[in-house]
Amino acid sequence: MADTKVSRNKQARNAERRQCERELAEALERRDETEPPLEVEEEAVAVEPAALRAADSGADGEGATE
């Protein structure tokens, strides 16, 4: 194939099409797999409620001293 703008564009389109086909084939192969469970760290769960309370008290203006 000659090295022209048209041929480069055609090669790029073909490469993109092949990539999409590979991604689709992989997705179809994996469609029956289940999602892995999310791992929750105990520290993050313990800290989160306190962080939410602090954010709530400052967000509405209550508890602020001037």
N, C-alpha and C. Protein backbone atom coordinates (compact mmCIF):
# COMPACT_ATOMS: atom_id res chain seq x y z
N MET A 1 0.85 -1.17 0.00
CA MET A 1 0.00 0.00 0.00
C MET A 1 0.91 1.24 0.00
N ALA A 2 0.59 2.18 -0.81
CA ALA A 2 1.38 3.40 -0.91
C ALA A 2 1.23 4.22 0.36
N ASP A 3 2.26 4.97 0.68
CA ASP A 3 2.24 5.79 1.89
C ASP A 3 1.64 7.16 1.56
N THR A 4 0.33 7.18 1.58
CA THR A 4 -0.38 8.43 1.33
C THR A 4 -1.28 8.71 2.53
N LYS A 5 -1.81 9.92 2.58
CA LYS A 5 -2.69 10.28 3.68
C LYS A 5 -3.91 9.35 3.72
N VAL A 6 -4.43 9.02 2.57
CA VAL A 6 -5.60 8.13 2.48
C VAL A 6 -5.26 6.76 3.04
N SER A 7 -4.11 6.22 2.66
CA SER A 7 -3.74 4.88 3.14
C SER A 7 -3.45 4.89 4.64
N ARG A 8 -2.84 5.96 5.15
CA ARG A 8 -2.59 6.05 6.59
C ARG A 8 -3.90 6.12 7.37
N ASN A 9 -4.86 6.90 6.85
CA ASN A 9 -6.17 6.98 7.50
C ASN A 9 -6.88 5.63 7.48
N LYS A 10 -6.77 4.92 6.35
CA LYS A 10 -7.40 3.61 6.24
C LYS A 10 -6.77 2.64 7.24
N GLN A 11 -5.46 2.66 7.36
CA GLN A 11 -4.78 1.79 8.32
C GLN A 11 -5.22 2.11 9.75
N ALA A 12 -5.35 3.39 10.05
CA ALA A 12 -5.76 3.80 11.39
C ALA A 12 -7.18 3.34 11.68
N ARG A 13 -8.08 3.50 10.72
CA ARG A 13 -9.47 3.04 10.90
C ARG A 13 -9.51 1.53 11.10
N ASN A 14 -8.72 0.80 10.31
CA ASN A 14 -8.68 -0.66 10.45
C ASN A 14 -8.14 -1.07 11.82
N ALA A 15 -7.12 -0.38 12.29
CA ALA A 15 -6.55 -0.69 13.60
C ALA A 15 -7.58 -0.43 14.70
N GLU A 16 -8.29 0.68 14.60
CA GLU A 16 -9.34 1.00 15.59
C GLU A 16 -10.45 -0.04 15.55
N ARG A 17 -10.84 -0.46 14.36
CA ARG A 17 -11.91 -1.46 14.20
C ARG A 17 -11.48 -2.78 14.82
N ARG A 18 -10.22 -3.20 14.55
CA ARG A 18 -9.72 -4.46 15.12
C ARG A 18 -9.68 -4.38 16.65
N GLN A 19 -9.27 -3.23 17.18
CA GLN A 19 -9.23 -3.07 18.64
C GLN A 19 -10.63 -3.18 19.23
N CYS A 20 -11.60 -2.56 18.61
CA CYS A 20 -12.99 -2.66 19.08
C CYS A 20 -13.48 -4.10 19.03
N GLU A 21 -13.14 -4.81 17.96
CA GLU A 21 -13.54 -6.21 17.84
C GLU A 21 -12.90 -7.05 18.95
N ARG A 22 -11.63 -6.81 19.25
CA ARG A 22 -10.96 -7.55 20.34
C ARG A 22 -11.62 -7.26 21.67
N GLU A 23 -11.93 -5.99 21.94
CA GLU A 23 -12.56 -5.62 23.20
C GLU A 23 -13.94 -6.25 23.32
N LEU A 24 -14.69 -6.27 22.24
CA LEU A 24 -16.01 -6.88 22.25
C LEU A 24 -15.91 -8.38 22.50
N ALA A 25 -14.99 -9.04 21.82
CA ALA A 25 -14.82 -10.49 22.01
C ALA A 25 -14.44 -10.80 23.46
N GLU A 26 -13.55 -9.99 24.04
CA GLU A 26 -13.16 -10.19 25.43
C GLU A 26 -14.34 -9.97 26.37
N ALA A 27 -15.14 -8.95 26.12
CA ALA A 27 -16.30 -8.67 26.96
C ALA A 27 -17.31 -9.81 26.87
N LEU A 28 -17.50 -10.34 25.69
CA LEU A 28 -18.44 -11.45 25.53
C LEU A 28 -17.96 -12.70 26.25
N GLU A 29 -16.65 -12.93 26.24
CA GLU A 29 -16.08 -14.07 26.96
C GLU A 29 -16.26 -13.93 28.46
N ARG A 30 -16.19 -12.71 28.96
CA ARG A 30 -16.21 -12.48 30.41
C ARG A 30 -17.59 -12.12 30.94
N ARG A 31 -18.62 -12.12 30.12
CA ARG A 31 -19.92 -11.66 30.57
C ARG A 31 -20.53 -12.51 31.67
N ASP A 32 -20.15 -13.77 31.78
CA ASP A 32 -20.72 -14.64 32.81
C ASP A 32 -19.95 -14.56 34.13
N GLU A 33 -18.83 -13.87 34.14
CA GLU A 33 -18.04 -13.75 35.37
C GLU A 33 -18.74 -12.80 36.33
N THR A 34 -18.60 -13.10 37.61
CA THR A 34 -19.17 -12.21 38.63
C THR A 34 -18.12 -11.19 39.02
N GLU A 35 -18.59 -10.06 39.51
CA GLU A 35 -17.67 -9.02 39.98
C GLU A 35 -17.05 -9.47 41.30
N PRO A 36 -15.78 -9.18 41.50
CA PRO A 36 -15.18 -9.53 42.79
C PRO A 36 -15.77 -8.65 43.89
N PRO A 37 -15.86 -9.18 45.11
CA PRO A 37 -16.40 -8.37 46.20
C PRO A 37 -15.46 -7.21 46.53
N LEU A 38 -16.04 -6.10 46.95
CA LEU A 38 -15.24 -4.94 47.33
C LEU A 38 -14.64 -5.20 48.71
N GLU A 39 -13.37 -4.88 48.84
CA GLU A 39 -12.70 -5.03 50.12
C GLU A 39 -12.80 -3.70 50.86
N VAL A 40 -13.38 -3.74 52.05
CA VAL A 40 -13.55 -2.53 52.84
C VAL A 40 -12.59 -2.60 54.01
N GLU A 41 -11.80 -1.55 54.15
CA GLU A 41 -10.87 -1.50 55.26
C GLU A 41 -11.61 -1.07 56.51
N GLU A 42 -11.29 -1.70 57.64
CA GLU A 42 -11.98 -1.38 58.89
C GLU A 42 -11.72 0.06 59.31
N GLU A 43 -10.52 0.57 59.09
CA GLU A 43 -10.20 1.95 59.47
C GLU A 43 -11.09 2.94 58.73
N ALA A 44 -11.26 2.74 57.45
CA ALA A 44 -12.05 3.66 56.65
C ALA A 44 -13.50 3.69 57.12
N VAL A 45 -14.04 2.54 57.51
CA VAL A 45 -15.41 2.48 57.99
C VAL A 45 -15.52 3.19 59.33
N ALA A 46 -14.53 3.04 60.21
CA ALA A 46 -14.57 3.66 61.53
C ALA A 46 -14.41 5.18 61.44
N VAL A 47 -13.64 5.67 60.52
CA VAL A 47 -13.36 7.09 60.41
C VAL A 47 -14.49 7.81 59.66
N GLU A 48 -15.11 7.15 58.73
CA GLU A 48 -16.09 7.80 57.86
C GLU A 48 -17.23 8.47 58.61
N PRO A 49 -17.92 7.84 59.58
CA PRO A 49 -19.02 8.52 60.25
C PRO A 49 -18.59 9.80 60.96
N ALA A 50 -17.43 9.80 61.61
CA ALA A 50 -16.94 11.00 62.29
C ALA A 50 -16.66 12.10 61.27
N ALA A 51 -16.09 11.74 60.15
CA ALA A 51 -15.79 12.73 59.11
C ALA A 51 -17.09 13.32 58.56
N LEU A 52 -18.10 12.48 58.42
CA LEU A 52 -19.38 12.98 57.92
C LEU A 52 -20.02 13.94 58.93
N ARG A 53 -19.94 13.63 60.22
CA ARG A 53 -20.52 14.51 61.24
C ARG A 53 -19.81 15.86 61.23
N ALA A 54 -18.50 15.85 61.09
CA ALA A 54 -17.73 17.09 61.08
C ALA A 54 -18.10 17.92 59.84
N ALA A 55 -18.26 17.26 58.71
CA ALA A 55 -18.61 17.97 57.48
C ALA A 55 -20.02 18.53 57.58
N ASP A 56 -20.94 17.77 58.18
CA ASP A 56 -22.32 18.24 58.31
C ASP A 56 -22.41 19.45 59.24
N SER A 57 -21.70 19.44 60.34
CA SER A 57 -21.81 20.55 61.29
C SER A 57 -21.24 21.85 60.72
N GLY A 58 -20.25 21.74 59.86
CA GLY A 58 -19.66 22.94 59.26
C GLY A 58 -20.39 23.40 58.01
N ALA A 59 -21.09 22.53 57.37
CA ALA A 59 -21.73 22.85 56.09
C ALA A 59 -22.92 23.77 56.25
N ASP A 60 -23.69 23.63 57.33
CA ASP A 60 -24.90 24.43 57.48
C ASP A 60 -24.69 25.65 58.37
N GLY A 61 -23.50 25.84 58.89
CA GLY A 61 -23.22 27.02 59.68
C GLY A 61 -23.45 26.83 61.16
N GLU A 62 -24.10 25.77 61.56
CA GLU A 62 -24.31 25.53 62.98
C GLU A 62 -23.01 25.11 63.62
N GLY A 63 -22.84 25.51 64.85
CA GLY A 63 -21.64 25.13 65.58
C GLY A 63 -20.45 26.03 65.27
N ALA A 64 -20.59 26.95 64.38
CA ALA A 64 -19.49 27.85 64.06
C ALA A 64 -19.52 29.02 65.04
N THR A 65 -18.35 29.38 65.54
CA THR A 65 -18.26 30.50 66.48
C THR A 65 -17.60 31.67 65.77
N GLU A 66 -18.13 32.85 66.07
CA GLU A 66 -17.56 34.05 65.44
C GLU A 66 -17.21 35.08 66.48
